[in-house]
Amino acid sequence: MDGDQIARLLWLGLLVAALGGWFVLQLRSRPGRSLQHLAVWGLIFAGVVAGYGLWQDIRAGLAPAQMLHEDGRIEIPLGPDGHFHAVLTIDGVPVSFVIDTGASEIVLSARDAARIGLDPQALAYIGEARTANGVVRTAPVRLESVTLGPFALRDVRAVVNQGQMEGSLLGMSFITRFARVEIARDRLTLTP
């Protein structure tokens, strides 16, 4: 532990001791009311913790999703993080991708590779990719099927990234297969 952590622990200990002492004094003078206040504050604390824990799920449910038009166009809204996110079906499994024009290929995270049935530990990481975080090792793989709306491909080349990734990337090798790619304000439109 460094000095800052020790100071924080001492401060937290002092705060807990002061609050604990105040509570003991209140408990002696008015036990029923003190226990009632403790229960109310406990419920408030539990509610805040639960709300914070569920916020990611709630936010994901409120975010706009990709939309398929009758003419086959796929419209993808800008996500709250400033990126375009698309859900593709890879070998029968839905996988969320960040559309990344800086990536040349479809890049799967190790977690997503495992979800679609690949064993990241058994792959041969013989390739390299230069990223904003430096050089990472990659393993070439073949995906039986890749589907986005009505747009379906078979036997698709991709790579699995050996480094840490939040999610998978949909690179230019997939995006350039569309006849037209258009970004207008907060919408990305892919036209087959």
C-alpha atoms as a PDB file:
ATOM      1  CA  MET A   1       0.000   0.000   0.000  1.00  0.00           C
ATOM      2  CA  ASP A   2       1.190   3.487  -0.765  1.00  0.00           C
ATOM      3  CA  GLY A   3       0.823   6.564   1.428  1.00  0.00           C
ATOM      4  CA  ASP A   4      -2.370   7.784  -0.276  1.00  0.00           C
ATOM      5  CA  GLN A   5      -4.140   4.470   0.273  1.00  0.00           C
ATOM      6  CA  ILE A   6      -3.117   4.397   3.954  1.00  0.00           C
ATOM      7  CA  ALA A   7      -4.366   7.974   4.413  1.00  0.00           C
ATOM      8  CA  ARG A   8      -7.697   7.086   2.770  1.00  0.00           C
ATOM      9  CA  LEU A   9      -8.068   4.023   5.005  1.00  0.00           C
ATOM     10  CA  LEU A  10      -7.322   6.078   8.114  1.00  0.00           C
ATOM     11  CA  TRP A  11      -9.844   8.739   7.028  1.00  0.00           C
ATOM     12  CA  LEU A  12     -12.463   6.074   6.301  1.00  0.00           C
ATOM     13  CA  GLY A  13     -11.773   4.416   9.677  1.00  0.00           C
ATOM     14  CA  LEU A  14     -12.175   7.763  11.458  1.00  0.00           C
ATOM     15  CA  LEU A  15     -15.440   8.445   9.608  1.00  0.00           C
ATOM     16  CA  VAL A  16     -16.827   4.980  10.429  1.00  0.00           C
ATOM     17  CA  ALA A  17     -15.816   5.394  14.094  1.00  0.00           C
ATOM     18  CA  ALA A  18     -17.528   8.805  14.313  1.00  0.00           C
ATOM     19  CA  LEU A  19     -20.725   7.588  12.654  1.00  0.00           C
ATOM     20  CA  GLY A  20     -20.672   4.389  14.702  1.00  0.00           C
ATOM     21  CA  GLY A  21     -20.238   6.355  17.938  1.00  0.00           C
ATOM     22  CA  TRP A  22     -23.087   8.704  17.035  1.00  0.00           C
ATOM     23  CA  PHE A  23     -25.315   5.726  16.199  1.00  0.00           C
ATOM     24  CA  VAL A  24     -24.526   3.989  19.529  1.00  0.00           C
ATOM     25  CA  LEU A  25     -25.407   7.179  21.429  1.00  0.00           C
ATOM     26  CA  GLN A  26     -28.675   7.531  19.499  1.00  0.00           C
ATOM     27  CA  LEU A  27     -29.458   3.860  20.028  1.00  0.00           C
ATOM     28  CA  ARG A  28     -29.138   4.274  23.807  1.00  0.00           C
ATOM     29  CA  SER A  29     -31.420   7.308  23.981  1.00  0.00           C
ATOM     30  CA  ARG A  30     -34.061   6.289  21.360  1.00  0.00           C
ATOM     31  CA  PRO A  31     -33.535   2.670  20.249  1.00  0.00           C
ATOM     32  CA  GLY A  32     -36.728   2.263  18.179  1.00  0.00           C
ATOM     33  CA  ARG A  33     -36.289   5.444  16.172  1.00  0.00           C
ATOM     34  CA  SER A  34     -32.561   4.785  15.631  1.00  0.00           C
ATOM     35  CA  LEU A  35     -33.222   1.302  14.246  1.00  0.00           C
ATOM     36  CA  GLN A  36     -35.904   2.744  11.972  1.00  0.00           C
ATOM     37  CA  HIS A  37     -33.449   5.331  10.598  1.00  0.00           C
ATOM     38  CA  LEU A  38     -30.810   2.639  10.129  1.00  0.00           C
ATOM     39  CA  ALA A  39     -33.280   0.508   8.144  1.00  0.00           C
ATOM     40  CA  VAL A  40     -34.271   3.470   5.930  1.00  0.00           C
ATOM     41  CA  TRP A  41     -30.635   4.372   5.185  1.00  0.00           C
ATOM     42  CA  GLY A  42     -29.846   0.697   4.514  1.00  0.00           C
ATOM     43  CA  LEU A  43     -32.666   0.536   1.955  1.00  0.00           C
ATOM     44  CA  ILE A  44     -31.539   3.777   0.325  1.00  0.00           C
ATOM     45  CA  PHE A  45     -27.978   2.447   0.076  1.00  0.00           C
ATOM     46  CA  ALA A  46     -29.195  -0.894  -1.357  1.00  0.00           C
ATOM     47  CA  GLY A  47     -31.356   0.974  -3.912  1.00  0.00           C
ATOM     48  CA  VAL A  48     -28.437   3.128  -5.059  1.00  0.00           C
ATOM     49  CA  VAL A  49     -26.165   0.081  -5.404  1.00  0.00           C
ATOM     50  CA  ALA A  50     -28.849  -1.860  -7.338  1.00  0.00           C
ATOM     51  CA  GLY A  51     -29.579   1.118  -9.605  1.00  0.00           C
ATOM     52  CA  TYR A  52     -25.900   1.590 -10.377  1.00  0.00           C
ATOM     53  CA  GLY A  53     -25.491  -2.124 -11.089  1.00  0.00           C
ATOM     54  CA  LEU A  54     -28.457  -2.185 -13.472  1.00  0.00           C
ATOM     55  CA  TRP A  55     -27.637   1.069 -15.266  1.00  0.00           C
ATOM     56  CA  GLN A  56     -25.655  -0.613 -18.077  1.00  0.00           C
ATOM     57  CA  ASP A  57     -28.577  -2.942 -18.829  1.00  0.00           C
ATOM     58  CA  ILE A  58     -31.097  -0.099 -18.677  1.00  0.00           C
ATOM     59  CA  ARG A  59     -28.975   2.144 -20.897  1.00  0.00           C
ATOM     60  CA  ALA A  60     -28.480  -0.629 -23.464  1.00  0.00           C
ATOM     61  CA  GLY A  61     -32.243  -1.150 -23.601  1.00  0.00           C
ATOM     62  CA  LEU A  62     -32.862   2.556 -24.223  1.00  0.00           C
ATOM     63  CA  ALA A  63     -30.242   2.944 -26.955  1.00  0.00           C
ATOM     64  CA  PRO A  64     -31.581   2.904 -30.512  1.00  0.00           C
ATOM     65  CA  ALA A  65     -30.913  -0.310 -32.444  1.00  0.00           C
ATOM     66  CA  GLN A  66     -30.010  -1.009 -36.044  1.00  0.00           C
ATOM     67  CA  MET A  67     -32.934  -0.922 -38.444  1.00  0.00           C
ATOM     68  CA  LEU A  68     -33.578  -2.879 -41.621  1.00  0.00           C
ATOM     69  CA  HIS A  69     -35.489  -1.077 -44.389  1.00  0.00           C
ATOM     70  CA  GLU A  70     -37.719  -2.812 -46.940  1.00  0.00           C
ATOM     71  CA  ASP A  71     -35.257  -2.055 -49.739  1.00  0.00           C
ATOM     72  CA  GLY A  72     -32.480  -3.925 -47.872  1.00  0.00           C
ATOM     73  CA  ARG A  73     -30.699  -0.868 -46.483  1.00  0.00           C
ATOM     74  CA  ILE A  74     -29.386  -1.255 -42.969  1.00  0.00           C
ATOM     75  CA  GLU A  75     -29.408   1.881 -40.816  1.00  0.00           C
ATOM     76  CA  ILE A  76     -27.210   1.918 -37.724  1.00  0.00           C
ATOM     77  CA  PRO A  77     -27.553   4.750 -35.177  1.00  0.00           C
ATOM     78  CA  LEU A  78     -24.602   6.333 -33.422  1.00  0.00           C
ATOM     79  CA  GLY A  79     -24.204   4.807 -29.970  1.00  0.00           C
ATOM     80  CA  PRO A  80     -23.942   6.786 -26.734  1.00  0.00           C
ATOM     81  CA  ASP A  81     -20.167   6.178 -26.769  1.00  0.00           C
ATOM     82  CA  GLY A  82     -19.767   7.920 -30.162  1.00  0.00           C
ATOM     83  CA  HIS A  83     -19.310   4.688 -32.173  1.00  0.00           C
ATOM     84  CA  PHE A  84     -21.560   2.792 -34.553  1.00  0.00           C
ATOM     85  CA  HIS A  85     -22.506  -0.635 -33.160  1.00  0.00           C
ATOM     86  CA  ALA A  86     -23.951  -3.468 -35.240  1.00  0.00           C
ATOM     87  CA  VAL A  87     -25.139  -6.896 -34.184  1.00  0.00           C
ATOM     88  CA  LEU A  88     -24.211  -9.586 -36.696  1.00  0.00           C
ATOM     89  CA  THR A  89     -24.984 -13.283 -36.558  1.00  0.00           C
ATOM     90  CA  ILE A  90     -21.749 -15.249 -36.691  1.00  0.00           C
ATOM     91  CA  ASP A  91     -22.173 -18.990 -37.157  1.00  0.00           C
ATOM     92  CA  GLY A  92     -25.647 -18.708 -35.619  1.00  0.00           C
ATOM     93  CA  VAL A  93     -24.611 -16.588 -32.605  1.00  0.00           C
ATOM     94  CA  PRO A  94     -25.426 -12.851 -32.279  1.00  0.00           C
ATOM     95  CA  VAL A  95     -22.236 -10.839 -31.779  1.00  0.00           C
ATOM     96  CA  SER A  96     -22.008  -7.095 -31.168  1.00  0.00           C
ATOM     97  CA  PHE A  97     -19.400  -5.236 -33.226  1.00  0.00           C
ATOM     98  CA  VAL A  98     -18.026  -1.715 -33.277  1.00  0.00           C
ATOM     99  CA  ILE A  99     -17.784  -0.561 -36.888  1.00  0.00           C
ATOM    100  CA  ASP A 100     -14.149   0.434 -37.271  1.00  0.00           C
ATOM    101  CA  THR A 101     -12.938   1.931 -40.549  1.00  0.00           C
ATOM    102  CA  GLY A 102      -9.418   1.806 -39.128  1.00  0.00           C
ATOM    103  CA  ALA A 103      -9.509  -2.002 -38.949  1.00  0.00           C
ATOM    104  CA  SER A 104      -8.800  -3.880 -42.167  1.00  0.00           C
ATOM    105  CA  GLU A 105     -10.499  -7.124 -41.160  1.00  0.00           C
ATOM    106  CA  ILE A 106     -13.187  -8.578 -38.947  1.00  0.00           C
ATOM    107  CA  VAL A 107     -11.464  -8.767 -35.565  1.00  0.00           C
ATOM    108  CA  LEU A 108     -12.984 -10.979 -32.886  1.00  0.00           C
ATOM    109  CA  SER A 109     -12.195 -10.623 -29.222  1.00  0.00           C
ATOM    110  CA  ALA A 110     -11.188 -13.845 -27.482  1.00  0.00           C
ATOM    111  CA  ARG A 111     -14.488 -13.777 -25.558  1.00  0.00           C
ATOM    112  CA  ASP A 112     -16.587 -13.490 -28.721  1.00  0.00           C
ATOM    113  CA  ALA A 113     -14.484 -16.164 -30.451  1.00  0.00           C
ATOM    114  CA  ALA A 114     -15.257 -18.544 -27.582  1.00  0.00           C
ATOM    115  CA  ARG A 115     -18.972 -17.654 -27.781  1.00  0.00           C
ATOM    116  CA  ILE A 116     -19.147 -18.746 -31.435  1.00  0.00           C
ATOM    117  CA  GLY A 117     -17.394 -22.031 -30.708  1.00  0.00           C
ATOM    118  CA  LEU A 118     -13.719 -21.281 -31.330  1.00  0.00           C
ATOM    119  CA  ASP A 119     -11.116 -22.156 -28.698  1.00  0.00           C
ATOM    120  CA  PRO A 120      -8.896 -19.051 -28.337  1.00  0.00           C
ATOM    121  CA  GLN A 121      -6.243 -21.056 -26.469  1.00  0.00           C
ATOM    122  CA  ALA A 122      -5.870 -23.542 -29.365  1.00  0.00           C
ATOM    123  CA  LEU A 123      -5.504 -20.939 -32.140  1.00  0.00           C
ATOM    124  CA  ALA A 124      -2.186 -20.205 -33.874  1.00  0.00           C
ATOM    125  CA  TYR A 125      -1.409 -16.508 -33.281  1.00  0.00           C
ATOM    126  CA  ILE A 126       0.872 -16.103 -36.271  1.00  0.00           C
ATOM    127  CA  GLY A 127      -0.220 -12.661 -37.460  1.00  0.00           C
ATOM    128  CA  GLU A 128       0.306  -9.150 -36.164  1.00  0.00           C
ATOM    129  CA  ALA A 129      -1.843  -6.059 -36.131  1.00  0.00           C
ATOM    130  CA  ARG A 130      -0.720  -2.528 -35.401  1.00  0.00           C
ATOM    131  CA  THR A 131      -3.249  -0.826 -33.159  1.00  0.00           C
ATOM    132  CA  ALA A 132      -3.453   2.409 -31.205  1.00  0.00           C
ATOM    133  CA  ASN A 133      -2.268   0.363 -28.213  1.00  0.00           C
ATOM    134  CA  GLY A 134       0.707  -1.131 -30.036  1.00  0.00           C
ATOM    135  CA  VAL A 135       1.326  -4.384 -31.873  1.00  0.00           C
ATOM    136  CA  VAL A 136      -0.897  -7.363 -31.011  1.00  0.00           C
ATOM    137  CA  ARG A 137      -0.809 -10.982 -32.117  1.00  0.00           C
ATOM    138  CA  THR A 138      -3.682 -12.319 -34.222  1.00  0.00           C
ATOM    139  CA  ALA A 139      -4.874 -15.753 -35.297  1.00  0.00           C
ATOM    140  CA  PRO A 140      -6.507 -16.209 -38.710  1.00  0.00           C
ATOM    141  CA  VAL A 141      -9.868 -18.015 -38.659  1.00  0.00           C
ATOM    142  CA  ARG A 142     -12.677 -18.832 -41.088  1.00  0.00           C
ATOM    143  CA  LEU A 143     -16.279 -18.085 -40.165  1.00  0.00           C
ATOM    144  CA  GLU A 144     -18.890 -20.363 -41.720  1.00  0.00           C
ATOM    145  CA  SER A 145     -21.512 -17.635 -41.980  1.00  0.00           C
ATOM    146  CA  VAL A 146     -21.711 -13.912 -41.284  1.00  0.00           C
ATOM    147  CA  THR A 147     -25.123 -12.242 -41.494  1.00  0.00           C
ATOM    148  CA  LEU A 148     -26.224  -8.630 -41.122  1.00  0.00           C
ATOM    149  CA  GLY A 149     -29.912  -8.260 -41.974  1.00  0.00           C
ATOM    150  CA  PRO A 150     -30.450  -9.706 -45.465  1.00  0.00           C
ATOM    151  CA  PHE A 151     -26.729  -9.504 -46.231  1.00  0.00           C
ATOM    152  CA  ALA A 152     -25.161 -12.944 -45.725  1.00  0.00           C
ATOM    153  CA  LEU A 153     -21.675 -14.220 -46.485  1.00  0.00           C
ATOM    154  CA  ARG A 154     -20.205 -17.707 -46.246  1.00  0.00           C
ATOM    155  CA  ASP A 155     -16.652 -18.827 -45.499  1.00  0.00           C
ATOM    156  CA  VAL A 156     -15.469 -15.402 -44.295  1.00  0.00           C
ATOM    157  CA  ARG A 157     -11.915 -14.620 -43.261  1.00  0.00           C
ATOM    158  CA  ALA A 158     -11.427 -13.007 -39.854  1.00  0.00           C
ATOM    159  CA  VAL A 159      -8.845 -12.822 -37.084  1.00  0.00           C
ATOM    160  CA  VAL A 160      -8.982 -13.372 -33.349  1.00  0.00           C
ATOM    161  CA  ASN A 161      -7.060 -10.798 -31.313  1.00  0.00           C
ATOM    162  CA  GLN A 162      -4.850 -12.216 -28.578  1.00  0.00           C
ATOM    163  CA  GLY A 163      -4.776  -8.885 -26.737  1.00  0.00           C
ATOM    164  CA  GLN A 164      -7.392  -7.414 -24.411  1.00  0.00           C
ATOM    165  CA  MET A 165     -10.406  -6.031 -26.260  1.00  0.00           C
ATOM    166  CA  GLU A 166     -13.725  -4.711 -24.977  1.00  0.00           C
ATOM    167  CA  GLY A 167     -15.528  -6.158 -27.988  1.00  0.00           C
ATOM    168  CA  SER A 168     -15.127  -7.186 -31.597  1.00  0.00           C
ATOM    169  CA  LEU A 169     -14.428  -4.877 -34.552  1.00  0.00           C
ATOM    170  CA  LEU A 170     -16.108  -4.870 -37.944  1.00  0.00           C
ATOM    171  CA  GLY A 171     -13.405  -3.738 -40.331  1.00  0.00           C
ATOM    172  CA  MET A 172     -13.164  -2.674 -43.945  1.00  0.00           C
ATOM    173  CA  SER A 173     -13.022  -6.210 -45.414  1.00  0.00           C
ATOM    174  CA  PHE A 174     -16.714  -6.516 -44.489  1.00  0.00           C
ATOM    175  CA  ILE A 175     -17.858  -2.909 -44.884  1.00  0.00           C
ATOM    176  CA  THR A 176     -16.519  -2.546 -48.449  1.00  0.00           C
ATOM    177  CA  ARG A 177     -18.683  -5.464 -49.623  1.00  0.00           C
ATOM    178  CA  PHE A 178     -21.658  -3.096 -49.550  1.00  0.00           C
ATOM    179  CA  ALA A 179     -22.490  -1.112 -52.692  1.00  0.00           C
ATOM    180  CA  ARG A 180     -22.793   2.079 -50.681  1.00  0.00           C
ATOM    181  CA  VAL A 181     -21.665   3.179 -47.207  1.00  0.00           C
ATOM    182  CA  GLU A 182     -22.972   6.532 -46.032  1.00  0.00           C
ATOM    183  CA  ILE A 183     -22.609   8.451 -42.774  1.00  0.00           C
ATOM    184  CA  ALA A 184     -25.043  11.310 -42.266  1.00  0.00           C
ATOM    185  CA  ARG A 185     -24.955  12.977 -38.859  1.00  0.00           C
ATOM    186  CA  ASP A 186     -25.748  10.239 -36.359  1.00  0.00           C
ATOM    187  CA  ARG A 187     -26.639   7.440 -38.821  1.00  0.00           C
ATOM    188  CA  LEU A 188     -24.557   4.947 -40.791  1.00  0.00           C
ATOM    189  CA  THR A 189     -26.409   3.464 -43.759  1.00  0.00           C
ATOM    190  CA  LEU A 190     -25.216   0.313 -45.533  1.00  0.00           C
ATOM    191  CA  THR A 191     -26.783  -0.406 -48.911  1.00  0.00           C
ATOM    192  CA  PRO A 192     -26.273  -3.916 -50.383  1.00  0.00           C
END
